[in-house]
């Protein structure tokens, strides 16, 4: 694991850094999908205010973000992203572990997520982490793959 990594709840002061991180993490997919992925369209002022948002910090720099939204007894993993220059350091794994820990702490029985069908490397990562594809659907103009992991 990344030795100097700290995790904490996001604050309004983190919104600018989170927005920048999301833009950097998802912009490579624009060409593949043909438009900006859904997380790039979110207003992170609103997201930080309404969802459970955690940031991963390397020193004072926000290097990862995790957005969770409880839906009944299941947790929706709305977004997990890592700064492109920090990929491969295990930050995503730490954030996914936090997602499952938080979901269990609040009594959720499963974690659900969706990703774009063309983000094939993400689908492969989620499968490795124990997520199972439940269905595929068109939603808000995006071709999405829905996945779930029972806790």
Protein backbone atom coordinates (compact mmCIF):
# COMPACT_ATOMS: atom_id res chain seq x y z
CA UNK A 1 0.00 0.00 0.00
CA UNK A 2 0.93 3.59 -0.58
CA UNK A 3 2.76 4.53 2.64
CA UNK A 4 1.89 8.22 2.94
CA UNK A 5 -1.77 7.85 1.94
CA UNK A 6 -4.45 9.25 4.25
CA UNK A 7 -8.21 8.93 3.85
CA UNK A 8 -10.84 11.36 5.11
CA UNK A 9 -14.32 12.65 4.34
CA UNK A 10 -14.36 15.28 1.63
CA UNK A 11 -15.00 18.90 2.62
CA UNK A 12 -16.27 21.84 0.54
CA UNK A 13 -12.64 23.01 0.27
CA UNK A 14 -11.84 19.78 -1.66
CA UNK A 15 -14.38 20.42 -4.45
CA UNK A 16 -11.91 22.09 -6.82
CA UNK A 17 -9.34 19.30 -6.40
CA UNK A 18 -12.00 16.58 -6.78
CA UNK A 19 -13.36 18.23 -9.95
CA UNK A 20 -9.87 18.42 -11.43
CA UNK A 21 -9.11 14.82 -10.53
CA UNK A 22 -12.35 13.56 -12.11
CA UNK A 23 -11.69 15.56 -15.30
CA UNK A 24 -8.15 14.12 -15.53
CA UNK A 25 -9.22 10.55 -14.73
CA UNK A 26 -12.15 10.38 -17.15
CA UNK A 27 -11.05 12.57 -20.09
CA UNK A 28 -9.13 9.68 -21.76
CA UNK A 29 -12.51 7.92 -22.20
CA UNK A 30 -14.15 10.78 -24.15
CA UNK A 31 -12.80 9.55 -27.50
CA UNK A 32 -13.79 5.95 -26.75
CA UNK A 33 -17.34 6.79 -25.64
CA UNK A 34 -17.87 9.75 -27.98
CA UNK A 35 -18.76 12.18 -25.18
CA UNK A 36 -17.68 12.99 -21.61
CA UNK A 37 -18.41 10.14 -19.18
CA UNK A 38 -21.20 10.86 -16.67
CA UNK A 39 -18.88 11.61 -13.68
CA UNK A 40 -17.41 14.54 -15.65
CA UNK A 41 -20.88 16.14 -15.77
CA UNK A 42 -21.47 16.11 -11.99
CA UNK A 43 -21.39 19.24 -9.86
CA UNK A 44 -19.03 18.23 -7.06
CA UNK A 45 -20.28 21.04 -4.75
CA UNK A 46 -23.60 19.21 -4.82
CA UNK A 47 -22.04 15.73 -4.68
CA UNK A 48 -19.94 16.57 -1.59
CA UNK A 49 -23.01 18.09 0.08
CA UNK A 50 -25.38 15.20 -0.71
CA UNK A 51 -23.36 11.97 -0.94
CA UNK A 52 -20.77 10.26 1.24
CA UNK A 53 -17.54 11.40 -0.38
CA UNK A 54 -14.07 10.35 0.73
CA UNK A 55 -10.73 11.62 -0.55
CA UNK A 56 -7.34 9.90 -0.58
CA UNK A 57 -4.51 12.32 0.14
CA UNK A 58 -0.81 12.02 -0.57
CA UNK A 59 0.46 14.75 1.73
CA UNK A 60 -1.96 17.58 0.96
CA UNK A 61 -2.72 16.52 -2.64
CA UNK A 62 -6.04 14.82 -3.41
CA UNK A 63 -5.01 11.73 -5.39
CA UNK A 64 -8.23 9.70 -5.20
CA UNK A 65 -11.95 10.10 -4.64
CA UNK A 66 -14.75 7.74 -3.62
CA UNK A 67 -18.44 8.67 -3.89
CA UNK A 68 -20.99 6.48 -2.08
CA UNK A 69 -24.78 6.79 -2.11
CA UNK A 70 -26.87 4.57 0.13
CA UNK A 71 -29.95 3.11 -1.55
CA UNK A 72 -31.97 1.11 0.96
CA UNK A 73 -29.86 -1.80 2.17
CA UNK A 74 -27.43 -1.52 -0.74
CA UNK A 75 -24.64 0.97 -1.34
CA UNK A 76 -24.20 2.53 -4.76
CA UNK A 77 -20.56 3.08 -5.60
CA UNK A 78 -21.27 6.21 -7.64
CA UNK A 79 -17.67 7.04 -8.49
CA UNK A 80 -14.14 5.93 -7.72
CA UNK A 81 -11.26 7.70 -9.43
CA UNK A 82 -7.51 8.15 -9.07
CA UNK A 83 -5.28 10.85 -10.53
CA UNK A 84 -3.78 9.41 -13.75
CA UNK A 85 -0.19 10.07 -12.61
CA UNK A 86 -0.87 8.11 -9.40
CA UNK A 87 -2.36 4.99 -11.02
CA UNK A 88 -0.75 1.65 -10.23
CA UNK A 89 0.12 2.60 -6.64
CA UNK A 90 -2.78 0.72 -5.03
CA UNK A 91 -4.87 3.83 -4.31
CA UNK A 92 -7.91 2.44 -6.13
CA UNK A 93 -7.66 -0.80 -4.11
CA UNK A 94 -7.56 1.20 -0.85
CA UNK A 95 -10.65 3.18 -1.95
CA UNK A 96 -12.52 -0.01 -2.95
CA UNK A 97 -11.68 -1.52 0.45
CA UNK A 98 -13.02 1.64 2.13
CA UNK A 99 -16.20 1.33 0.04
CA UNK A 100 -16.84 -2.19 1.36
CA UNK A 101 -15.90 -1.26 4.94
CA UNK A 102 -18.26 1.76 4.97
CA UNK A 103 -21.04 -0.30 3.36
CA UNK A 104 -20.74 -2.95 6.07
CA UNK A 105 -20.56 -0.32 8.84
CA UNK A 106 -23.92 1.15 7.83
CA UNK A 107 -25.52 -2.29 7.48
CA UNK A 108 -25.65 -2.66 3.70
CA UNK A 109 -25.89 -6.17 2.29
CA UNK A 110 -24.31 -5.38 -1.08
CA UNK A 111 -22.44 -2.81 -3.16
CA UNK A 112 -23.74 -1.93 -6.61
CA UNK A 113 -22.07 0.03 -9.37
CA UNK A 114 -22.32 0.74 -13.05
CA UNK A 115 -19.74 1.60 -15.63
CA UNK A 116 -19.74 2.27 -19.36
CA UNK A 117 -19.60 -0.88 -21.47
CA UNK A 118 -16.56 0.54 -23.32
CA UNK A 119 -14.59 0.93 -20.08
CA UNK A 120 -13.60 -2.71 -20.41
CA UNK A 121 -10.53 -2.50 -18.15
CA UNK A 122 -12.73 -1.23 -15.29
CA UNK A 123 -15.21 -4.08 -15.81
CA UNK A 124 -12.28 -6.53 -15.57
CA UNK A 125 -11.02 -4.90 -12.34
CA UNK A 126 -14.48 -5.04 -10.74
CA UNK A 127 -14.81 -8.74 -11.70
CA UNK A 128 -11.45 -9.44 -10.02
CA UNK A 129 -12.77 -7.69 -6.89
CA UNK A 130 -15.78 -10.03 -6.78
CA UNK A 131 -18.44 -7.96 -8.57
CA UNK A 132 -20.88 -9.84 -10.77
CA UNK A 133 -22.58 -8.34 -13.81
CA UNK A 134 -26.35 -8.18 -13.25
CA UNK A 135 -27.52 -6.52 -16.48
CA UNK A 136 -26.77 -4.00 -19.21
CA UNK A 137 -28.96 -1.05 -20.11
CA UNK A 138 -29.10 2.32 -21.84
CA UNK A 139 -29.40 5.07 -19.23
CA UNK A 140 -29.14 8.84 -19.80
CA UNK A 141 -27.68 8.08 -23.24
CA UNK A 142 -24.92 5.84 -21.86
CA UNK A 143 -24.49 2.09 -22.49
CA UNK A 144 -24.02 0.86 -18.97
CA UNK A 145 -22.92 -2.39 -17.36
CA UNK A 146 -24.47 -2.89 -13.91
CA UNK A 147 -22.57 -4.94 -11.34
CA UNK A 148 -23.17 -6.06 -7.76
CA UNK A 149 -21.17 -7.59 -4.95
CA UNK A 150 -22.87 -9.19 -1.96
CA UNK A 151 -21.12 -8.39 1.32
